[in-house]
Amino acid sequence: MKKLVLMAVAIVAVSFASCGNKAANAEQAAADSIRIADSIAAVEAAAAEAAAQAADTVVADTVVAE
């Protein structure tokens, strides 16, 4: 009987160990997602600003050429 109880305790211990700390992993994944989204937004904003500056340059060149 003692062997069965010991085996059950061992199985439970291994089960807890294999689950890990999923709450901390979920929080880290959410933080990584937010950081990546912010990086993408910054790159898109810089690209839009560069496109706007390029458009202003083309307009200025067209006005001077006329």
N, C-alpha and C. Protein backbone atom coordinates (compact mmCIF):
# COMPACT_ATOMS: atom_id res chain seq x y z
N MET A 1 0.83 -1.19 0.00
CA MET A 1 0.00 0.00 0.00
C MET A 1 0.87 1.25 0.00
N LYS A 2 1.96 1.21 0.78
CA LYS A 2 2.85 2.37 0.83
C LYS A 2 3.45 2.65 -0.54
N LYS A 3 3.73 1.59 -1.29
CA LYS A 3 4.32 1.77 -2.61
C LYS A 3 3.34 2.47 -3.55
N LEU A 4 2.06 2.14 -3.43
CA LEU A 4 1.05 2.78 -4.29
C LEU A 4 0.92 4.28 -3.97
N VAL A 5 0.92 4.60 -2.67
CA VAL A 5 0.82 6.00 -2.26
C VAL A 5 2.07 6.76 -2.72
N LEU A 6 3.23 6.16 -2.54
CA LEU A 6 4.48 6.79 -2.98
C LEU A 6 4.48 6.99 -4.49
N MET A 7 3.99 6.01 -5.22
CA MET A 7 3.92 6.12 -6.68
C MET A 7 2.95 7.22 -7.10
N ALA A 8 1.82 7.33 -6.42
CA ALA A 8 0.85 8.38 -6.73
C ALA A 8 1.44 9.76 -6.45
N VAL A 9 2.15 9.91 -5.35
CA VAL A 9 2.79 11.18 -5.02
C VAL A 9 3.84 11.52 -6.07
N ALA A 10 4.59 10.55 -6.51
CA ALA A 10 5.61 10.78 -7.53
C ALA A 10 4.97 11.23 -8.85
N ILE A 11 3.87 10.61 -9.21
CA ILE A 11 3.17 10.98 -10.44
C ILE A 11 2.64 12.41 -10.36
N VAL A 12 2.07 12.75 -9.22
CA VAL A 12 1.55 14.11 -9.03
C VAL A 12 2.70 15.12 -9.09
N ALA A 13 3.81 14.81 -8.47
CA ALA A 13 4.97 15.72 -8.48
C ALA A 13 5.48 15.92 -9.90
N VAL A 14 5.57 14.85 -10.67
CA VAL A 14 6.03 14.97 -12.06
C VAL A 14 5.02 15.76 -12.88
N SER A 15 3.75 15.57 -12.61
CA SER A 15 2.72 16.31 -13.34
C SER A 15 2.83 17.81 -13.08
N PHE A 16 3.02 18.20 -11.84
CA PHE A 16 3.19 19.62 -11.51
C PHE A 16 4.46 20.19 -12.14
N ALA A 17 5.51 19.41 -12.13
CA ALA A 17 6.77 19.87 -12.70
C ALA A 17 6.67 20.04 -14.20
N SER A 18 5.93 19.19 -14.88
CA SER A 18 5.83 19.27 -16.33
C SER A 18 4.93 20.42 -16.78
N CYS A 19 4.03 20.86 -15.93
CA CYS A 19 3.16 21.98 -16.31
C CYS A 19 3.92 23.29 -16.35
N GLY A 20 4.92 23.46 -15.54
CA GLY A 20 5.70 24.69 -15.53
C GLY A 20 4.90 25.85 -14.97
N ASN A 21 5.39 27.04 -15.22
CA ASN A 21 4.72 28.24 -14.74
C ASN A 21 4.10 28.94 -15.93
N LYS A 22 2.95 28.48 -16.35
CA LYS A 22 2.31 28.99 -17.55
C LYS A 22 1.82 30.42 -17.38
N ALA A 23 1.50 30.84 -16.18
CA ALA A 23 1.04 32.22 -15.97
C ALA A 23 2.16 33.21 -16.26
N ALA A 24 3.35 32.92 -15.81
CA ALA A 24 4.49 33.80 -16.07
C ALA A 24 4.83 33.79 -17.56
N ASN A 25 4.73 32.63 -18.19
CA ASN A 25 5.00 32.53 -19.62
C ASN A 25 3.98 33.33 -20.42
N ALA A 26 2.73 33.31 -20.01
CA ALA A 26 1.69 34.06 -20.70
C ALA A 26 1.92 35.56 -20.56
N GLU A 27 2.33 36.00 -19.38
CA GLU A 27 2.62 37.42 -19.17
C GLU A 27 3.81 37.85 -20.03
N GLN A 28 4.82 37.03 -20.12
CA GLN A 28 5.99 37.36 -20.94
C GLN A 28 5.61 37.41 -22.41
N ALA A 29 4.77 36.49 -22.85
CA ALA A 29 4.34 36.48 -24.24
C ALA A 29 3.53 37.74 -24.57
N ALA A 30 2.68 38.17 -23.64
CA ALA A 30 1.90 39.39 -23.86
C ALA A 30 2.82 40.60 -23.93
N ALA A 31 3.81 40.67 -23.07
CA ALA A 31 4.76 41.79 -23.09
C ALA A 31 5.55 41.79 -24.39
N ASP A 32 5.95 40.62 -24.87
CA ASP A 32 6.68 40.54 -26.13
C ASP A 32 5.80 40.98 -27.30
N SER A 33 4.54 40.60 -27.28
CA SER A 33 3.62 40.99 -28.34
C SER A 33 3.45 42.50 -28.39
N ILE A 34 3.31 43.11 -27.21
CA ILE A 34 3.15 44.57 -27.15
C ILE A 34 4.42 45.25 -27.65
N ARG A 35 5.57 44.76 -27.26
CA ARG A 35 6.84 45.35 -27.68
C ARG A 35 7.01 45.25 -29.19
N ILE A 36 6.66 44.11 -29.77
CA ILE A 36 6.77 43.92 -31.21
C ILE A 36 5.79 44.82 -31.95
N ALA A 37 4.57 44.92 -31.44
CA ALA A 37 3.58 45.80 -32.08
C ALA A 37 4.03 47.25 -32.04
N ASP A 38 4.62 47.68 -30.93
CA ASP A 38 5.14 49.05 -30.84
C ASP A 38 6.27 49.27 -31.84
N SER A 39 7.13 48.29 -31.99
CA SER A 39 8.23 48.40 -32.95
C SER A 39 7.71 48.51 -34.37
N ILE A 40 6.73 47.71 -34.70
CA ILE A 40 6.14 47.75 -36.04
C ILE A 40 5.48 49.09 -36.29
N ALA A 41 4.76 49.60 -35.30
CA ALA A 41 4.11 50.91 -35.44
C ALA A 41 5.14 52.02 -35.64
N ALA A 42 6.26 51.95 -34.95
CA ALA A 42 7.31 52.96 -35.10
C ALA A 42 7.92 52.91 -36.50
N VAL A 43 8.14 51.72 -37.01
CA VAL A 43 8.70 51.58 -38.36
C VAL A 43 7.71 52.09 -39.40
N GLU A 44 6.43 51.77 -39.24
CA GLU A 44 5.43 52.25 -40.18
C GLU A 44 5.29 53.77 -40.14
N ALA A 45 5.38 54.35 -38.95
CA ALA A 45 5.31 55.80 -38.83
C ALA A 45 6.51 56.46 -39.50
N ALA A 46 7.69 55.89 -39.33
CA ALA A 46 8.89 56.43 -39.97
C ALA A 46 8.80 56.31 -41.49
N ALA A 47 8.26 55.22 -41.97
CA ALA A 47 8.10 55.03 -43.42
C ALA A 47 7.09 56.02 -43.98
N ALA A 48 6.01 56.26 -43.25
CA ALA A 48 5.01 57.23 -43.71
C ALA A 48 5.59 58.64 -43.73
N GLU A 49 6.40 58.97 -42.73
CA GLU A 49 7.03 60.29 -42.69
C GLU A 49 8.02 60.45 -43.84
N ALA A 50 8.78 59.41 -44.12
CA ALA A 50 9.73 59.46 -45.23
C ALA A 50 9.00 59.59 -46.56
N ALA A 51 7.87 58.91 -46.72
CA ALA A 51 7.09 59.01 -47.94
C ALA A 51 6.51 60.41 -48.09
N ALA A 52 6.07 61.00 -46.99
CA ALA A 52 5.52 62.36 -47.04
C ALA A 52 6.61 63.36 -47.41
N GLN A 53 7.81 63.18 -46.88
CA GLN A 53 8.92 64.07 -47.22
C GLN A 53 9.30 63.91 -48.68
N ALA A 54 9.28 62.69 -49.18
CA ALA A 54 9.60 62.45 -50.59
C ALA A 54 8.55 63.10 -51.48
N ALA A 55 7.29 63.03 -51.09
CA ALA A 55 6.22 63.65 -51.86
C ALA A 55 6.38 65.16 -51.86
N ASP A 56 6.77 65.74 -50.73
CA ASP A 56 6.99 67.19 -50.65
C ASP A 56 8.13 67.60 -51.56
N THR A 57 9.17 66.78 -51.63
CA THR A 57 10.31 67.09 -52.48
C THR A 57 9.91 67.05 -53.95
N VAL A 58 9.10 66.08 -54.33
CA VAL A 58 8.65 65.97 -55.72
C VAL A 58 7.79 67.17 -56.07
N VAL A 59 6.92 67.59 -55.19
CA VAL A 59 6.07 68.75 -55.44
C VAL A 59 6.93 70.00 -55.57
N ALA A 60 7.91 70.18 -54.72
CA ALA A 60 8.79 71.34 -54.78
C ALA A 60 9.60 71.34 -56.08
N ASP A 61 10.09 70.20 -56.51
CA ASP A 61 10.85 70.12 -57.76
C ASP A 61 9.95 70.45 -58.95
N THR A 62 8.71 70.00 -58.90
CA THR A 62 7.79 70.27 -59.99
C THR A 62 7.47 71.75 -60.08
N VAL A 63 7.28 72.39 -58.97
CA VAL A 63 6.97 73.81 -58.94
C VAL A 63 8.16 74.60 -59.46
N VAL A 64 9.37 74.27 -59.10
CA VAL A 64 10.57 74.99 -59.53
C VAL A 64 10.81 74.77 -61.01
N ALA A 65 10.54 73.55 -61.51
CA ALA A 65 10.79 73.23 -62.91
C ALA A 65 9.84 73.99 -63.83
N GLU A 66 8.70 74.36 -63.42
CA GLU A 66 7.74 75.04 -64.28
C GLU A 66 8.17 76.39 -64.49
